[in-house]
Protein backbone atom coordinates (compact mmCIF):
# COMPACT_ATOMS: atom_id res chain seq x y z
CA MET A 1 -49.91 0.88 -182.53
CA VAL A 2 -49.65 4.13 -180.57
CA GLN A 3 -47.92 3.75 -177.23
CA ILE A 4 -48.90 6.50 -174.83
CA PRO A 5 -47.00 6.04 -171.56
CA ARG A 6 -48.10 8.61 -169.01
CA TYR A 7 -45.70 10.42 -166.77
CA ALA A 8 -46.43 12.42 -163.64
CA ARG A 9 -48.34 15.62 -164.40
CA PHE A 10 -46.74 18.86 -163.24
CA VAL A 11 -49.20 21.10 -161.42
CA ALA A 12 -49.16 24.70 -162.63
CA THR A 13 -47.50 27.10 -160.19
CA SER A 14 -47.11 30.03 -162.58
CA GLY A 15 -48.40 31.17 -165.95
CA GLY A 16 -51.84 29.81 -165.16
CA ASP A 17 -53.50 32.32 -167.48
CA ALA A 18 -51.34 31.38 -170.47
CA VAL A 19 -53.27 30.14 -173.47
CA VAL A 20 -50.86 27.36 -174.50
CA LYS A 21 -52.65 24.01 -174.68
CA ILE A 22 -49.90 21.71 -175.93
CA THR A 23 -46.20 21.55 -176.65
CA ILE A 24 -44.84 19.19 -179.29
CA SER A 25 -41.23 18.07 -179.31
CA GLY A 26 -39.11 15.52 -181.17
CA HIS A 27 -35.96 15.09 -183.19
CA PRO A 28 -35.66 16.59 -186.71
CA GLY A 29 -37.63 14.40 -189.10
CA SER A 30 -39.97 13.09 -186.40
CA GLY A 31 -43.02 14.80 -187.88
CA THR A 32 -43.55 17.56 -185.34
CA SER A 33 -44.27 20.25 -187.94
CA THR A 34 -46.80 18.07 -189.74
CA LEU A 35 -48.49 17.24 -186.44
CA VAL A 36 -48.66 20.91 -185.48
CA GLY A 37 -50.32 21.73 -188.80
CA LEU A 38 -52.95 19.02 -188.35
CA ILE A 39 -53.67 19.94 -184.73
CA CYS A 40 -53.98 23.63 -185.57
CA ALA A 41 -56.29 22.88 -188.50
CA HIS A 42 -58.49 20.65 -186.33
CA TYR A 43 -58.92 23.19 -183.53
CA ASN A 44 -58.30 26.41 -185.48
CA TRP A 45 -55.41 27.14 -183.13
CA GLY A 46 -52.32 29.24 -183.63
CA SER A 47 -48.76 27.96 -183.26
CA LEU A 48 -45.19 29.04 -182.72
CA ASN A 49 -42.63 26.81 -184.41
CA GLY A 50 -39.14 26.97 -182.98
CA GLY A 51 -37.83 24.87 -185.86
CA ASP A 52 -39.07 27.40 -188.41
CA ILE A 53 -37.32 30.18 -186.51
CA PHE A 54 -34.14 28.09 -186.45
CA ARG A 55 -34.35 27.33 -190.20
CA GLN A 56 -35.13 30.94 -191.10
CA GLU A 57 -32.10 32.17 -189.18
CA ALA A 58 -29.89 29.53 -190.84
CA ALA A 59 -31.17 30.56 -194.28
CA ALA A 60 -30.68 34.25 -193.50
CA ARG A 61 -27.04 33.47 -192.79
CA ASN A 62 -26.82 31.22 -195.90
CA MET A 63 -25.85 28.27 -193.69
CA SER A 64 -26.86 24.62 -193.61
CA LEU A 65 -28.77 23.43 -190.56
CA ALA A 66 -25.72 21.45 -189.42
CA ASP A 67 -23.42 24.47 -189.82
CA PHE A 68 -25.91 26.73 -188.06
CA GLY A 69 -26.14 24.18 -185.25
CA SER A 70 -22.37 24.35 -184.96
CA LEU A 71 -22.55 28.14 -184.81
CA CYS A 72 -25.14 27.94 -182.05
CA SER A 73 -22.79 25.70 -180.09
CA GLU A 74 -20.16 28.46 -180.32
CA ASP A 75 -22.50 31.43 -179.84
CA GLU A 76 -25.02 30.70 -177.11
CA SER A 77 -26.76 34.04 -177.59
CA VAL A 78 -28.52 32.73 -180.71
CA ASP A 79 -30.14 29.79 -178.92
CA ARG A 80 -30.89 31.80 -175.82
CA SER A 81 -32.71 34.46 -177.81
CA LEU A 82 -34.89 31.85 -179.53
CA ASP A 83 -35.63 30.13 -176.23
CA THR A 84 -36.50 33.46 -174.64
CA ILE A 85 -39.06 34.10 -177.39
CA LEU A 86 -40.62 30.68 -176.81
CA GLN A 87 -40.88 31.14 -173.06
CA GLU A 88 -42.25 34.68 -173.31
CA ARG A 89 -44.93 33.56 -175.75
CA MET A 90 -45.85 30.63 -173.49
CA LEU A 91 -46.49 32.97 -170.59
CA THR A 92 -48.78 35.47 -172.32
CA GLU A 93 -52.52 35.33 -172.85
CA GLU A 94 -51.95 36.46 -176.45
CA GLY A 95 -49.62 33.56 -177.22
CA PRO A 96 -50.40 30.59 -179.46
CA GLU A 97 -52.12 27.42 -178.29
CA VAL A 98 -49.42 25.16 -179.78
CA ILE A 99 -45.68 25.53 -179.20
CA GLU A 100 -43.24 23.37 -181.16
CA SER A 101 -39.54 22.95 -180.45
CA ARG A 102 -37.29 20.35 -178.93
CA LEU A 103 -37.19 22.31 -175.67
CA SER A 104 -40.79 23.54 -175.58
CA GLY A 105 -41.84 20.67 -173.30
CA TRP A 106 -39.02 21.49 -170.93
CA TRP A 107 -39.86 25.20 -170.87
CA ALA A 108 -43.54 24.51 -170.22
CA TYR A 109 -42.57 22.09 -167.45
CA LYS A 110 -40.10 24.47 -165.83
CA ASN A 111 -42.54 27.39 -166.05
CA GLY A 112 -45.27 25.35 -164.37
CA LEU A 113 -47.70 25.33 -167.30
CA ASP A 114 -50.43 22.73 -166.88
CA CYS A 115 -50.59 21.72 -170.53
CA ILE A 116 -50.11 18.56 -172.57
CA ARG A 117 -46.44 18.02 -173.42
CA ILE A 118 -45.83 15.54 -176.25
CA TRP A 119 -42.59 13.84 -177.32
CA LEU A 120 -42.76 12.19 -180.76
CA ASP A 121 -40.53 9.11 -180.77
CA VAL A 122 -39.41 8.00 -184.23
CA SER A 123 -36.61 5.58 -185.15
CA ASP A 124 -33.37 6.93 -186.63
CA GLU A 125 -33.97 5.05 -189.88
CA GLU A 126 -37.49 6.40 -190.32
CA ARG A 127 -36.42 9.96 -189.59
CA ALA A 128 -33.65 9.69 -192.19
CA ARG A 129 -36.07 8.24 -194.73
CA ARG A 130 -38.42 11.17 -194.19
CA VAL A 131 -35.59 13.67 -194.63
CA VAL A 132 -34.61 12.04 -197.93
CA GLU A 133 -38.24 12.05 -199.07
CA ARG A 134 -38.55 15.73 -198.22
CA GLU A 135 -35.15 17.04 -199.26
CA GLY A 136 -33.62 14.35 -201.51
CA GLY A 137 -30.19 12.76 -201.14
CA GLU A 138 -29.01 9.38 -199.93
CA LEU A 139 -30.35 7.54 -196.89
CA ALA A 140 -26.87 6.87 -195.46
CA ASP A 141 -26.00 10.57 -195.73
CA ALA A 142 -29.25 11.56 -194.04
CA LEU A 143 -28.58 9.10 -191.20
CA GLU A 144 -25.08 10.48 -190.71
CA SER A 145 -26.28 14.08 -190.86
CA ASN A 146 -29.08 13.39 -188.35
CA HIS A 147 -26.65 11.70 -185.94
CA ALA A 148 -24.18 14.58 -186.22
CA ARG A 149 -26.85 17.23 -185.70
CA SER A 150 -28.36 15.37 -182.74
CA ALA A 151 -24.93 15.05 -181.08
CA ILE A 152 -24.19 18.75 -181.59
CA ASP A 153 -27.59 19.80 -180.29
CA LEU A 154 -27.45 17.50 -177.26
CA ALA A 155 -24.03 18.84 -176.29
CA ARG A 156 -25.32 22.40 -176.67
CA PHE A 157 -28.43 21.83 -174.57
CA GLU A 158 -26.45 20.11 -171.84
CA LYS A 159 -23.87 22.89 -171.79
CA MET A 160 -26.41 25.72 -171.79
CA TYR A 161 -29.19 24.31 -169.65
CA SER A 162 -28.00 20.97 -168.23
CA LEU A 163 -30.92 19.12 -169.77
CA ASN A 164 -31.61 16.43 -172.36
CA PRO A 165 -34.61 16.88 -174.68
CA GLU A 166 -35.13 13.09 -174.77
CA SER A 167 -35.51 12.78 -171.00
CA PRO A 168 -39.06 11.66 -170.10
CA ILE A 169 -39.22 14.05 -167.14
CA PRO A 170 -41.07 17.00 -168.72
CA TYR A 171 -43.42 15.10 -171.03
CA THR A 172 -46.94 14.06 -170.15
CA HIS A 173 -47.09 11.67 -173.14
CA THR A 174 -44.73 9.95 -175.57
CA VAL A 175 -46.14 8.82 -178.92
CA GLU A 176 -44.16 6.17 -180.83
CA SER A 177 -44.98 7.10 -184.40
CA SER A 178 -42.36 5.41 -186.58
CA SER A 179 -44.94 3.30 -188.42
CA LEU A 180 -47.90 5.69 -188.24
CA GLN A 181 -49.33 7.95 -190.89
CA PRO A 182 -49.51 11.67 -189.97
CA GLU A 183 -53.29 11.52 -189.61
CA ASP A 184 -52.98 8.61 -187.18
CA VAL A 185 -50.49 10.53 -185.06
CA ALA A 186 -52.78 13.57 -185.06
CA ASN A 187 -55.76 11.43 -184.06
CA ALA A 188 -53.78 9.94 -181.17
CA VAL A 189 -52.83 13.40 -179.93
CA ILE A 190 -56.38 14.73 -180.38
CA THR A 191 -57.58 11.79 -178.28
CA ILE A 192 -55.09 12.82 -175.59
CA LEU A 193 -56.26 16.43 -175.74
CA GLU A 194 -59.94 15.47 -175.62
CA GLY A 195 -59.28 13.19 -172.67
CA THR A 196 -57.99 16.11 -170.59
CA ASN A 197 -61.10 18.27 -171.01
């Protein structure tokens, strides 16, 4: 069952001409990338994926995601440059309709964009299972790795911006999708999008 608690909408005060329709956020393994692909295919929309940018930079440096996360905690310029790209693209008419990253909901909220802001809520165990299914390895190792990465990232976000991605403040909707198939999650979000038109 999809739970869609609504939070107070933030009325746009700037960036009103931006094209962004929706931001999608969640922990690694929560299915944000899959959801973005399904939403973009349904509407023929473009997207900007902060996670892809993060992974590409880690790969370019021949680093694991955990090690790159540690580097980001030591060198704030890396994170800040990625976040600057996201915010600039949100505020341009030529930007994509869908923005995905753990902070995209926060940036849309803080920039006064009147768009749907989704947080995908998935249990720790399910996220670890999905990581193992995608990348291989042992479930216990995936759980430990996810916990370590989440702790590093949370500390970094709090230090840099004094915010917590899990806070309900910036999100218009939270979708609990631990037991849902990707198509069911996409249908729930499409229903939300259609309901705002």
